Amino acid sequence: MITFLKFILFFIIFSYILKRLSPYILAFVIKRFKNKMKNEMKNKFQNMNEEFNQTQKKPKKSQKEKVGEYIDFEELD
């Protein structure tokens, strides 16, 4: 009978402490989640920005492309 009363008393005390600490625990968990998502979005944005900048750069031409001959057209009167 004493063990049963200790068991019930433990759960009552545990639930009371949990009620008092739950706002702080919840705030801590939400803050960690917010920071994690902020860092992930920052990394994604940086990666997207780097990829965009790489696609904007044109590769250097090692040789000039030969387009063809130049034809000078004359006007006829």
Protein backbone atom coordinates (compact mmCIF):
# COMPACT_ATOMS: atom_id res chain seq x y z
CA MET A 1 0.00 0.00 0.00
CA ILE A 2 2.87 2.39 0.81
CA THR A 3 4.46 1.70 -2.58
CA PHE A 4 1.21 2.54 -4.31
CA LEU A 5 0.94 5.84 -2.42
CA LYS A 6 4.57 6.71 -3.27
CA PHE A 7 3.82 5.94 -6.91
CA ILE A 8 0.77 8.22 -6.95
CA LEU A 9 2.63 10.96 -5.04
CA PHE A 10 5.49 10.78 -7.55
CA PHE A 11 3.12 11.26 -10.49
CA ILE A 12 1.34 14.14 -8.78
CA ILE A 13 4.62 15.93 -8.08
CA PHE A 14 5.94 15.12 -11.55
CA SER A 15 2.80 16.50 -13.25
CA TYR A 16 2.95 19.67 -11.11
CA ILE A 17 6.60 20.28 -12.04
CA LEU A 18 5.88 19.53 -15.69
CA LYS A 19 3.00 22.04 -15.69
CA ARG A 20 5.27 24.75 -14.29
CA LEU A 21 8.16 24.03 -16.68
CA SER A 22 6.19 23.35 -19.88
CA PRO A 23 6.11 27.00 -21.10
CA TYR A 24 9.90 27.22 -20.81
CA ILE A 25 10.43 23.85 -22.47
CA LEU A 26 8.07 24.77 -25.29
CA ALA A 27 9.76 28.15 -25.82
CA PHE A 28 13.16 26.44 -25.94
CA VAL A 29 11.99 23.86 -28.50
CA ILE A 30 10.35 26.51 -30.70
CA LYS A 31 13.47 28.71 -30.58
CA ARG A 32 15.68 25.80 -31.64
CA PHE A 33 13.30 24.90 -34.47
CA LYS A 34 13.19 28.53 -35.63
CA ASN A 35 16.99 28.81 -35.67
CA LYS A 36 17.32 25.51 -37.50
CA MET A 37 14.84 26.54 -40.20
CA LYS A 38 16.48 29.98 -40.50
CA ASN A 39 19.89 28.39 -41.07
CA GLU A 40 18.48 25.93 -43.62
CA MET A 41 16.76 28.69 -45.58
CA LYS A 42 19.90 30.83 -45.44
CA ASN A 43 21.97 27.95 -46.83
CA LYS A 44 19.42 27.24 -49.56
CA PHE A 45 19.35 30.90 -50.56
CA GLN A 46 23.14 31.07 -50.69
CA ASN A 47 23.29 27.91 -52.80
CA MET A 48 20.64 29.26 -55.17
CA ASN A 49 22.47 32.58 -55.42
CA GLU A 50 25.78 30.83 -56.19
CA GLU A 51 24.13 28.67 -58.86
CA PHE A 52 22.47 31.74 -60.39
CA ASN A 53 25.78 33.61 -60.48
CA GLN A 54 27.51 30.63 -62.09
CA THR A 55 24.89 30.42 -64.82
CA GLN A 56 25.17 34.16 -65.48
CA LYS A 57 28.90 33.97 -66.15
CA LYS A 58 29.66 33.34 -69.78
CA PRO A 59 32.52 31.00 -70.54
CA LYS A 60 35.54 32.67 -72.10
CA LYS A 61 36.05 31.97 -75.76
CA SER A 62 39.42 30.46 -76.46
CA GLN A 63 39.18 31.12 -80.21
CA LYS A 64 37.15 33.61 -82.13
CA GLU A 65 34.32 32.02 -83.97
CA LYS A 66 34.52 32.30 -87.74
CA VAL A 67 31.22 33.79 -88.84
CA GLY A 68 31.74 33.90 -92.58
CA GLU A 69 32.85 36.26 -95.30
CA TYR A 70 31.99 39.93 -95.32
CA ILE A 71 29.99 40.94 -98.37
CA ASP A 72 29.74 44.60 -99.28
CA PHE A 73 26.47 45.27 -101.04
CA GLU A 74 26.35 48.26 -103.31
CA GLU A 75 23.26 50.25 -104.06
CA LEU A 76 22.05 50.27 -107.66
CA ASP A 77 20.44 53.43 -109.07
